[in-house]
Amino acid sequence: IAARNQLESYVFTVKQAAEDTGDKLQSEDKETISRVCSETVSWLDNNALAEVDEYEFKLKEVQKVCSPIMAKLHQNGSTGNPGPASSSQGPTVEEMD
């Protein structure tokens, strides 16, 4: 069950990230992710009794396609946009009179 959940979670996370990108991803990359995610969801529906190694193999297949696209997204989207963790680098020092 954990392997199935991991695959399912990855697919939905990638699909949601691709949909939320706006114009940061090329339309062909979005279409590729959408197609792979849809195919994987169909595979999950049709293979509810698959073995752990089948889920793991499918996850690796999906990652081979989606990871390079997601890496492009993070390269394009993360330049100049500091995350929330970077705003709290060290203690807050208040000036006292």
PDB file of N, CA and C in Angstrom:
ATOM      1  N   ILE A   1       0.832  -1.199   0.000  1.00  0.00           N
ATOM      2  CA  ILE A   1       0.000   0.000   0.000  1.00  0.00           C
ATOM      3  C   ILE A   1       0.872   1.256   0.000  1.00  0.00           C
ATOM      4  N   ALA A   2       1.981   1.219   0.723  1.00  0.00           N
ATOM      5  CA  ALA A   2       2.857   2.388   0.792  1.00  0.00           C
ATOM      6  C   ALA A   2       3.432   2.729  -0.580  1.00  0.00           C
ATOM      7  N   ALA A   3       3.805   1.708  -1.353  1.00  0.00           N
ATOM      8  CA  ALA A   3       4.368   1.948  -2.689  1.00  0.00           C
ATOM      9  C   ALA A   3       3.323   2.560  -3.607  1.00  0.00           C
ATOM     10  N   ARG A   4       2.091   2.078  -3.509  1.00  0.00           N
ATOM     11  CA  ARG A   4       1.005   2.639  -4.320  1.00  0.00           C
ATOM     12  C   ARG A   4       0.762   4.096  -3.927  1.00  0.00           C
ATOM     13  N   ASN A   5       0.714   4.353  -2.625  1.00  0.00           N
ATOM     14  CA  ASN A   5       0.484   5.715  -2.148  1.00  0.00           C
ATOM     15  C   ASN A   5       1.602   6.658  -2.579  1.00  0.00           C
ATOM     16  N   GLN A   6       2.837   6.160  -2.569  1.00  0.00           N
ATOM     17  CA  GLN A   6       3.966   6.986  -2.985  1.00  0.00           C
ATOM     18  C   GLN A   6       3.839   7.369  -4.456  1.00  0.00           C
ATOM     19  N   LEU A   7       3.492   6.394  -5.295  1.00  0.00           N
ATOM     20  CA  LEU A   7       3.312   6.658  -6.725  1.00  0.00           C
ATOM     21  C   LEU A   7       2.166   7.639  -6.945  1.00  0.00           C
ATOM     22  N   GLU A   8       1.061   7.385  -6.293  1.00  0.00           N
ATOM     23  CA  GLU A   8      -0.120   8.237  -6.436  1.00  0.00           C
ATOM     24  C   GLU A   8       0.188   9.667  -5.985  1.00  0.00           C
ATOM     25  N   SER A   9       0.852   9.792  -4.864  1.00  0.00           N
ATOM     26  CA  SER A   9       1.198  11.104  -4.328  1.00  0.00           C
ATOM     27  C   SER A   9       2.137  11.857  -5.269  1.00  0.00           C
ATOM     28  N   TYR A  10       3.129  11.163  -5.791  1.00  0.00           N
ATOM     29  CA  TYR A  10       4.074  11.795  -6.713  1.00  0.00           C
ATOM     30  C   TYR A  10       3.351  12.316  -7.947  1.00  0.00           C
ATOM     31  N   VAL A  11       2.478  11.483  -8.503  1.00  0.00           N
ATOM     32  CA  VAL A  11       1.752  11.858  -9.717  1.00  0.00           C
ATOM     33  C   VAL A  11       0.906  13.105  -9.476  1.00  0.00           C
ATOM     34  N   PHE A  12       0.162  13.125  -8.382  1.00  0.00           N
ATOM     35  CA  PHE A  12      -0.700  14.275  -8.121  1.00  0.00           C
ATOM     36  C   PHE A  12       0.107  15.531  -7.785  1.00  0.00           C
ATOM     37  N   THR A  13       1.223  15.367  -7.099  1.00  0.00           N
ATOM     38  CA  THR A  13       2.072  16.515  -6.780  1.00  0.00           C
ATOM     39  C   THR A  13       2.658  17.136  -8.044  1.00  0.00           C
ATOM     40  N   VAL A  14       3.171  16.279  -8.925  1.00  0.00           N
ATOM     41  CA  VAL A  14       3.764  16.763 -10.176  1.00  0.00           C
ATOM     42  C   VAL A  14       2.703  17.422 -11.048  1.00  0.00           C
ATOM     43  N   LYS A  15       1.557  16.780 -11.143  1.00  0.00           N
ATOM     44  CA  LYS A  15       0.480  17.326 -11.974  1.00  0.00           C
ATOM     45  C   LYS A  15       0.039  18.696 -11.452  1.00  0.00           C
ATOM     46  N   GLN A  16      -0.131  18.809 -10.143  1.00  0.00           N
ATOM     47  CA  GLN A  16      -0.549  20.074  -9.543  1.00  0.00           C
ATOM     48  C   GLN A  16       0.515  21.151  -9.751  1.00  0.00           C
ATOM     49  N   ALA A  17       1.776  20.789  -9.578  1.00  0.00           N
ATOM     50  CA  ALA A  17       2.863  21.751  -9.772  1.00  0.00           C
ATOM     51  C   ALA A  17       2.890  22.254 -11.210  1.00  0.00           C
ATOM     52  N   ALA A  18       2.688  21.356 -12.156  1.00  0.00           N
ATOM     53  CA  ALA A  18       2.689  21.751 -13.569  1.00  0.00           C
ATOM     54  C   ALA A  18       1.514  22.668 -13.883  1.00  0.00           C
ATOM     55  N   GLU A  19       0.362  22.392 -13.287  1.00  0.00           N
ATOM     56  CA  GLU A  19      -0.819  23.225 -13.533  1.00  0.00           C
ATOM     57  C   GLU A  19      -0.674  24.609 -12.912  1.00  0.00           C
ATOM     58  N   ASP A  20       0.064  24.705 -11.811  1.00  0.00           N
ATOM     59  CA  ASP A  20       0.208  25.968 -11.094  1.00  0.00           C
ATOM     60  C   ASP A  20       1.351  26.841 -11.600  1.00  0.00           C
ATOM     61  N   THR A  21       2.041  26.421 -12.644  1.00  0.00           N
ATOM     62  CA  THR A  21       3.237  27.135 -13.084  1.00  0.00           C
ATOM     63  C   THR A  21       2.969  28.389 -13.884  1.00  0.00           C
ATOM     64  N   GLY A  22       1.787  28.512 -14.416  1.00  0.00           N
ATOM     65  CA  GLY A  22       1.535  29.651 -15.296  1.00  0.00           C
ATOM     66  C   GLY A  22       2.320  29.464 -16.573  1.00  0.00           C
ATOM     67  N   ASP A  23       3.160  30.446 -16.906  1.00  0.00           N
ATOM     68  CA  ASP A  23       3.932  30.350 -18.148  1.00  0.00           C
ATOM     69  C   ASP A  23       5.390  29.967 -17.907  1.00  0.00           C
ATOM     70  N   LYS A  24       5.692  29.437 -16.736  1.00  0.00           N
ATOM     71  CA  LYS A  24       7.072  29.054 -16.435  1.00  0.00           C
ATOM     72  C   LYS A  24       7.494  27.775 -17.146  1.00  0.00           C
ATOM     73  N   LEU A  25       6.530  26.971 -17.575  1.00  0.00           N
ATOM     74  CA  LEU A  25       6.816  25.755 -18.336  1.00  0.00           C
ATOM     75  C   LEU A  25       6.275  25.904 -19.745  1.00  0.00           C
ATOM     76  N   GLN A  26       6.970  25.324 -20.694  1.00  0.00           N
ATOM     77  CA  GLN A  26       6.477  25.321 -22.065  1.00  0.00           C
ATOM     78  C   GLN A  26       5.240  24.434 -22.137  1.00  0.00           C
ATOM     79  N   SER A  27       4.356  24.747 -23.070  1.00  0.00           N
ATOM     80  CA  SER A  27       3.106  23.991 -23.175  1.00  0.00           C
ATOM     81  C   SER A  27       3.360  22.523 -23.484  1.00  0.00           C
ATOM     82  N   GLU A  28       4.408  22.217 -24.245  1.00  0.00           N
ATOM     83  CA  GLU A  28       4.686  20.810 -24.549  1.00  0.00           C
ATOM     84  C   GLU A  28       5.109  20.045 -23.294  1.00  0.00           C
ATOM     85  N   ASP A  29       5.829  20.716 -22.379  1.00  0.00           N
ATOM     86  CA  ASP A  29       6.199  20.077 -21.116  1.00  0.00           C
ATOM     87  C   ASP A  29       4.965  19.830 -20.256  1.00  0.00           C
ATOM     88  N   LYS A  30       4.064  20.814 -20.222  1.00  0.00           N
ATOM     89  CA  LYS A  30       2.820  20.638 -19.470  1.00  0.00           C
ATOM     90  C   LYS A  30       2.006  19.483 -20.031  1.00  0.00           C
ATOM     91  N   GLU A  31       1.944  19.403 -21.361  1.00  0.00           N
ATOM     92  CA  GLU A  31       1.191  18.326 -22.006  1.00  0.00           C
ATOM     93  C   GLU A  31       1.813  16.968 -21.700  1.00  0.00           C
ATOM     94  N   THR A  32       3.139  16.907 -21.697  1.00  0.00           N
ATOM     95  CA  THR A  32       3.831  15.659 -21.384  1.00  0.00           C
ATOM     96  C   THR A  32       3.502  15.216 -19.965  1.00  0.00           C
ATOM     97  N   ILE A  33       3.594  16.136 -19.019  1.00  0.00           N
ATOM     98  CA  ILE A  33       3.289  15.799 -17.629  1.00  0.00           C
ATOM     99  C   ILE A  33       1.834  15.379 -17.493  1.00  0.00           C
ATOM    100  N   SER A  34       0.942  16.117 -18.109  1.00  0.00           N
ATOM    101  CA  SER A  34      -0.480  15.787 -18.035  1.00  0.00           C
ATOM    102  C   SER A  34      -0.753  14.396 -18.596  1.00  0.00           C
ATOM    103  N   ARG A  35      -0.137  14.094 -19.739  1.00  0.00           N
ATOM    104  CA  ARG A  35      -0.339  12.788 -20.379  1.00  0.00           C
ATOM    105  C   ARG A  35       0.201  11.661 -19.501  1.00  0.00           C
ATOM    106  N   VAL A  36       1.426  11.827 -19.003  1.00  0.00           N
ATOM    107  CA  VAL A  36       2.046  10.792 -18.175  1.00  0.00           C
ATOM    108  C   VAL A  36       1.247  10.586 -16.888  1.00  0.00           C
ATOM    109  N   CYS A  37       0.801  11.674 -16.282  1.00  0.00           N
ATOM    110  CA  CYS A  37       0.023  11.563 -15.047  1.00  0.00           C
ATOM    111  C   CYS A  37      -1.315  10.873 -15.300  1.00  0.00           C
ATOM    112  N   SER A  38      -1.980  11.231 -16.380  1.00  0.00           N
ATOM    113  CA  SER A  38      -3.261  10.594 -16.712  1.00  0.00           C
ATOM    114  C   SER A  38      -3.080   9.111 -16.983  1.00  0.00           C
ATOM    115  N   GLU A  39      -2.028   8.771 -17.731  1.00  0.00           N
ATOM    116  CA  GLU A  39      -1.750   7.363 -18.010  1.00  0.00           C
ATOM    117  C   GLU A  39      -1.457   6.597 -16.722  1.00  0.00           C
ATOM    118  N   THR A  40      -0.737   7.228 -15.810  1.00  0.00           N
ATOM    119  CA  THR A  40      -0.383   6.571 -14.556  1.00  0.00           C
ATOM    120  C   THR A  40      -1.604   6.374 -13.674  1.00  0.00           C
ATOM    121  N   VAL A  41      -2.486   7.358 -13.623  1.00  0.00           N
ATOM    122  CA  VAL A  41      -3.720   7.211 -12.843  1.00  0.00           C
ATOM    123  C   VAL A  41      -4.564   6.076 -13.418  1.00  0.00           C
ATOM    124  N   SER A  42      -4.648   6.001 -14.736  1.00  0.00           N
ATOM    125  CA  SER A  42      -5.374   4.894 -15.369  1.00  0.00           C
ATOM    126  C   SER A  42      -4.722   3.565 -15.026  1.00  0.00           C
ATOM    127  N   TRP A  43      -3.400   3.530 -15.058  1.00  0.00           N
ATOM    128  CA  TRP A  43      -2.673   2.307 -14.711  1.00  0.00           C
ATOM    129  C   TRP A  43      -2.970   1.908 -13.267  1.00  0.00           C
ATOM    130  N   LEU A  44      -2.969   2.894 -12.368  1.00  0.00           N
ATOM    131  CA  LEU A  44      -3.283   2.615 -10.963  1.00  0.00           C
ATOM    132  C   LEU A  44      -4.691   2.039 -10.816  1.00  0.00           C
ATOM    133  N   ASP A  45      -5.647   2.614 -11.542  1.00  0.00           N
ATOM    134  CA  ASP A  45      -7.027   2.130 -11.477  1.00  0.00           C
ATOM    135  C   ASP A  45      -7.144   0.700 -11.987  1.00  0.00           C
ATOM    136  N   ASN A  46      -6.380   0.377 -13.027  1.00  0.00           N
ATOM    137  CA  ASN A  46      -6.462  -0.946 -13.640  1.00  0.00           C
ATOM    138  C   ASN A  46      -5.573  -1.984 -12.970  1.00  0.00           C
ATOM    139  N   ASN A  47      -4.689  -1.557 -12.083  1.00  0.00           N
ATOM    140  CA  ASN A  47      -3.742  -2.471 -11.442  1.00  0.00           C
ATOM    141  C   ASN A  47      -3.780  -2.328  -9.924  1.00  0.00           C
ATOM    142  N   ALA A  48      -4.967  -2.346  -9.377  1.00  0.00           N
ATOM    143  CA  ALA A  48      -5.132  -2.159  -7.937  1.00  0.00           C
ATOM    144  C   ALA A  48      -4.437  -3.247  -7.122  1.00  0.00           C
ATOM    145  N   LEU A  49      -4.231  -4.409  -7.721  1.00  0.00           N
ATOM    146  CA  LEU A  49      -3.614  -5.519  -6.997  1.00  0.00           C
ATOM    147  C   LEU A  49      -2.169  -5.756  -7.423  1.00  0.00           C
ATOM    148  N   ALA A  50      -1.518  -4.727  -7.944  1.00  0.00           N
ATOM    149  CA  ALA A  50      -0.131  -4.862  -8.392  1.00  0.00           C
ATOM    150  C   ALA A  50       0.794  -5.112  -7.204  1.00  0.00           C
ATOM    151  N   GLU A  51       1.928  -5.703  -7.506  1.00  0.00           N
ATOM    152  CA  GLU A  51       2.940  -5.977  -6.484  1.00  0.00           C
ATOM    153  C   GLU A  51       3.765  -4.714  -6.217  1.00  0.00           C
ATOM    154  N   VAL A  52       4.468  -4.713  -5.089  1.00  0.00           N
ATOM    155  CA  VAL A  52       5.283  -3.567  -4.695  1.00  0.00           C
ATOM    156  C   VAL A  52       6.299  -3.211  -5.778  1.00  0.00           C
ATOM    157  N   ASP A  53       6.964  -4.228  -6.338  1.00  0.00           N
ATOM    158  CA  ASP A  53       7.985  -3.937  -7.351  1.00  0.00           C
ATOM    159  C   ASP A  53       7.388  -3.327  -8.615  1.00  0.00           C
ATOM    160  N   GLU A  54       6.142  -3.646  -8.920  1.00  0.00           N
ATOM    161  CA  GLU A  54       5.477  -3.039 -10.080  1.00  0.00           C
ATOM    162  C   GLU A  54       5.219  -1.553  -9.837  1.00  0.00           C
ATOM    163  N   TYR A  55       4.772  -1.220  -8.627  1.00  0.00           N
ATOM    164  CA  TYR A  55       4.554   0.191  -8.279  1.00  0.00           C
ATOM    165  C   TYR A  55       5.875   0.958  -8.306  1.00  0.00           C
ATOM    166  N   GLU A  56       6.921   0.351  -7.760  1.00  0.00           N
ATOM    167  CA  GLU A  56       8.225   1.013  -7.729  1.00  0.00           C
ATOM    168  C   GLU A  56       8.766   1.226  -9.139  1.00  0.00           C
ATOM    169  N   PHE A  57       8.588   0.229 -10.016  1.00  0.00           N
ATOM    170  CA  PHE A  57       9.030   0.351 -11.402  1.00  0.00           C
ATOM    171  C   PHE A  57       8.264   1.471 -12.105  1.00  0.00           C
ATOM    172  N   LYS A  58       6.966   1.519 -11.886  1.00  0.00           N
ATOM    173  CA  LYS A  58       6.133   2.555 -12.512  1.00  0.00           C
ATOM    174  C   LYS A  58       6.547   3.940 -12.014  1.00  0.00           C
ATOM    175  N   LEU A  59       6.839   4.052 -10.719  1.00  0.00           N
ATOM    176  CA  LEU A  59       7.280   5.329 -10.160  1.00  0.00           C
ATOM    177  C   LEU A  59       8.573   5.782 -10.834  1.00  0.00           C
ATOM    178  N   LYS A  60       9.513   4.868 -11.017  1.00  0.00           N
ATOM    179  CA  LYS A  60      10.775   5.220 -11.672  1.00  0.00           C
ATOM    180  C   LYS A  60      10.543   5.663 -13.111  1.00  0.00           C
ATOM    181  N   GLU A  61       9.624   5.000 -13.809  1.00  0.00           N
ATOM    182  CA  GLU A  61       9.298   5.400 -15.184  1.00  0.00           C
ATOM    183  C   GLU A  61       8.749   6.823 -15.225  1.00  0.00           C
ATOM    184  N   VAL A  62       7.836   7.113 -14.320  1.00  0.00           N
ATOM    185  CA  VAL A  62       7.221   8.443 -14.273  1.00  0.00           C
ATOM    186  C   VAL A  62       8.270   9.495 -13.904  1.00  0.00           C
ATOM    187  N   GLN A  63       9.126   9.167 -12.944  1.00  0.00           N
ATOM    188  CA  GLN A  63      10.168  10.111 -12.534  1.00  0.00           C
ATOM    189  C   GLN A  63      11.153  10.396 -13.662  1.00  0.00           C
ATOM    190  N   LYS A  64      11.460   9.396 -14.484  1.00  0.00           N
ATOM    191  CA  LYS A  64      12.376   9.604 -15.617  1.00  0.00           C
ATOM    192  C   LYS A  64      11.848  10.684 -16.554  1.00  0.00           C
ATOM    193  N   VAL A  65      10.538  10.707 -16.739  1.00  0.00           N
ATOM    194  CA  VAL A  65       9.929  11.683 -17.640  1.00  0.00           C
ATOM    195  C   VAL A  65       9.731  13.027 -16.944  1.00  0.00           C
ATOM    196  N   CYS A  66       9.215  12.997 -15.730  1.00  0.00           N
ATOM    197  CA  CYS A  66       8.792  14.232 -15.059  1.00  0.00           C
ATOM    198  C   CYS A  66       9.913  14.980 -14.341  1.00  0.00           C
ATOM    199  N   SER A  67      10.884  14.271 -13.797  1.00  0.00           N
ATOM    200  CA  SER A  67      11.934  14.941 -13.023  1.00  0.00           C
ATOM    201  C   SER A  67      12.709  15.989 -13.818  1.00  0.00           C
ATOM    202  N   PRO A  68      13.127  15.700 -15.066  1.00  0.00           N
ATOM    203  CA  PRO A  68      13.832  16.750 -15.824  1.00  0.00           C
ATOM    204  C   PRO A  68      12.964  17.986 -16.074  1.00  0.00           C
ATOM    205  N   ILE A  69      11.687  17.768 -16.301  1.00  0.00           N
ATOM    206  CA  ILE A  69      10.773  18.892 -16.533  1.00  0.00           C
ATOM    207  C   ILE A  69      10.610  19.702 -15.253  1.00  0.00           C
ATOM    208  N   MET A  70      10.465  19.012 -14.125  1.00  0.00           N
ATOM    209  CA  MET A  70      10.310  19.710 -12.853  1.00  0.00           C
ATOM    210  C   MET A  70      11.602  20.443 -12.482  1.00  0.00           C
ATOM    211  N   ALA A  71      12.747  19.879 -12.848  1.00  0.00           N
ATOM    212  CA  ALA A  71      14.021  20.556 -12.594  1.00  0.00           C
ATOM    213  C   ALA A  71      14.083  21.869 -13.373  1.00  0.00           C
ATOM    214  N   LYS A  72      13.601  21.845 -14.624  1.00  0.00           N
ATOM    215  CA  LYS A  72      13.547  23.076 -15.424  1.00  0.00           C
ATOM    216  C   LYS A  72      12.652  24.105 -14.748  1.00  0.00           C
ATOM    217  N   LEU A  73      11.538  23.638 -14.224  1.00  0.00           N
ATOM    218  CA  LEU A  73      10.599  24.533 -13.555  1.00  0.00           C
ATOM    219  C   LEU A  73      11.263  25.199 -12.356  1.00  0.00           C
ATOM    220  N   HIS A  74      11.962  24.414 -11.551  1.00  0.00           N
ATOM    221  CA  HIS A  74      12.597  24.970 -10.357  1.00  0.00           C
ATOM    222  C   HIS A  74      13.743  25.909 -10.713  1.00  0.00           C
ATOM    223  N   GLN A  75      14.450  25.627 -11.809  1.00  0.00           N
ATOM    224  CA  GLN A  75      15.508  26.533 -12.254  1.00  0.00           C
ATOM    225  C   GLN A  75      14.914  27.857 -12.708  1.00  0.00           C
ATOM    226  N   ASN A  76      13.834  27.785 -13.460  1.00  0.00           N
ATOM    227  CA  ASN A  76      13.198  28.998 -13.974  1.00  0.00           C
ATOM    228  C   ASN A  76      12.488  29.767 -12.879  1.00  0.00           C
ATOM    229  N   GLY A  77      11.880  29.073 -11.950  1.00  0.00           N
ATOM    230  CA  GLY A  77      11.049  29.724 -10.951  1.00  0.00           C
ATOM    231  C   GLY A  77      11.775  30.157  -9.707  1.00  0.00           C
ATOM    232  N   SER A  78      12.924  29.567  -9.415  1.00  0.00           N
ATOM    233  CA  SER A  78      13.548  29.857  -8.136  1.00  0.00           C
ATOM    234  C   SER A  78      14.583  30.968  -8.198  1.00  0.00           C
ATOM    235  N   THR A  79      14.961  31.414  -9.369  1.00  0.00           N
ATOM    236  CA  THR A  79      15.958  32.470  -9.456  1.00  0.00           C
ATOM    237  C   THR A  79      15.359  33.793  -9.007  1.00  0.00           C
ATOM    238  N   GLY A  80      15.929  34.350  -7.956  1.00  0.00           N
ATOM    239  CA  GLY A  80      15.476  35.642  -7.484  1.00  0.00           C
ATOM    240  C   GLY A  80      14.261  35.590  -6.580  1.00  0.00           C
ATOM    241  N   ASN A  81      13.741  34.421  -6.311  1.00  0.00           N
ATOM    242  CA  ASN A  81      12.594  34.290  -5.422  1.00  0.00           C
ATOM    243  C   ASN A  81      12.996  33.518  -4.176  1.00  0.00           C
ATOM    244  N   PRO A  82      13.457  34.192  -3.153  1.00  0.00           N
ATOM    245  CA  PRO A  82      13.863  33.463  -1.955  1.00  0.00           C
ATOM    246  C   PRO A  82      12.661  32.809  -1.297  1.00  0.00           C
ATOM    247  N   GLY A  83      12.882  31.647  -0.756  1.00  0.00           N
ATOM    248  CA  GLY A  83      11.810  30.925  -0.079  1.00  0.00           C
ATOM    249  C   GLY A  83      11.577  31.488   1.298  1.00  0.00           C
ATOM    250  N   PRO A  84      10.560  31.015   1.962  1.00  0.00           N
ATOM    251  CA  PRO A  84      10.244  31.530   3.288  1.00  0.00           C
ATOM    252  C   PRO A  84      11.338  31.239   4.304  1.00  0.00           C
ATOM    253  N   ALA A  85      12.114  30.192   4.123  1.00  0.00           N
ATOM    254  CA  ALA A  85      13.154  29.847   5.077  1.00  0.00           C
ATOM    255  C   ALA A  85      14.285  30.869   5.064  1.00  0.00           C
ATOM    256  N   SER A  86      14.510  31.508   3.930  1.00  0.00           N
ATOM    257  CA  SER A  86      15.625  32.436   3.834  1.00  0.00           C
ATOM    258  C   SER A  86      15.340  33.761   4.536  1.00  0.00           C
ATOM    259  N   SER A  87      14.099  34.028   4.877  1.00  0.00           N
ATOM    260  CA  SER A  87      13.777  35.293   5.525  1.00  0.00           C
ATOM    261  C   SER A  87      14.132  35.287   7.006  1.00  0.00           C
ATOM    262  N   SER A  88      14.352  34.122   7.586  1.00  0.00           N
ATOM    263  CA  SER A  88      14.677  34.060   9.010  1.00  0.00           C
ATOM    264  C   SER A  88      16.052  33.436   9.192  1.00  0.00           C
ATOM    265  N   GLN A  89      17.065  34.142   8.740  1.00  0.00           N
ATOM    266  CA  GLN A  89      18.429  33.640   8.851  1.00  0.00           C
ATOM    267  C   GLN A  89      19.084  34.233  10.088  1.00  0.00           C
ATOM    268  N   GLY A  90      18.918  33.583  11.204  1.00  0.00           N
ATOM    269  CA  GLY A  90      19.551  34.052  12.419  1.00  0.00           C
ATOM    270  C   GLY A  90      18.564  34.747  13.334  1.00  0.00           C
ATOM    271  N   PRO A  91      19.065  35.192  14.456  1.00  0.00           N
ATOM    272  CA  PRO A  91      18.188  35.822  15.450  1.00  0.00           C
ATOM    273  C   PRO A  91      17.773  37.229  15.037  1.00  0.00           C
ATOM    274  N   THR A  92      16.645  37.647  15.558  1.00  0.00           N
ATOM    275  CA  THR A  92      16.167  38.997  15.323  1.00  0.00           C
ATOM    276  C   THR A  92      16.798  39.909  16.367  1.00  0.00           C
ATOM    277  N   VAL A  93      17.396  40.997  15.909  1.00  0.00           N
ATOM    278  CA  VAL A  93      18.042  41.932  16.818  1.00  0.00           C
ATOM    279  C   VAL A  93      17.233  43.211  16.808  1.00  0.00           C
ATOM    280  N   GLU A  94      16.746  43.580  17.979  1.00  0.00           N
ATOM    281  CA  GLU A  94      15.975  44.812  18.093  1.00  0.00           C
ATOM    282  C   GLU A  94      16.831  45.868  18.770  1.00  0.00           C
ATOM    283  N   GLU A  95      16.734  47.092  18.270  1.00  0.00           N
ATOM    284  CA  GLU A  95      17.498  48.185  18.835  1.00  0.00           C
ATOM    285  C   GLU A  95      16.792  48.709  20.072  1.00  0.00           C
ATOM    286  N   MET A  96      17.558  48.908  21.120  1.00  0.00           N
ATOM    287  CA  MET A  96      16.972  49.397  22.369  1.00  0.00           C
ATOM    288  C   MET A  96      17.572  50.760  22.691  1.00  0.00           C
ATOM    289  N   ASP A  97      16.763  51.686  23.225  1.00  0.00           N
ATOM    290  CA  ASP A  97      17.251  53.015  23.596  1.00  0.00           C
ATOM    291  C   ASP A  97      17.564  53.083  25.054  1.00  0.00           C
TER     292      ASP A  97
END
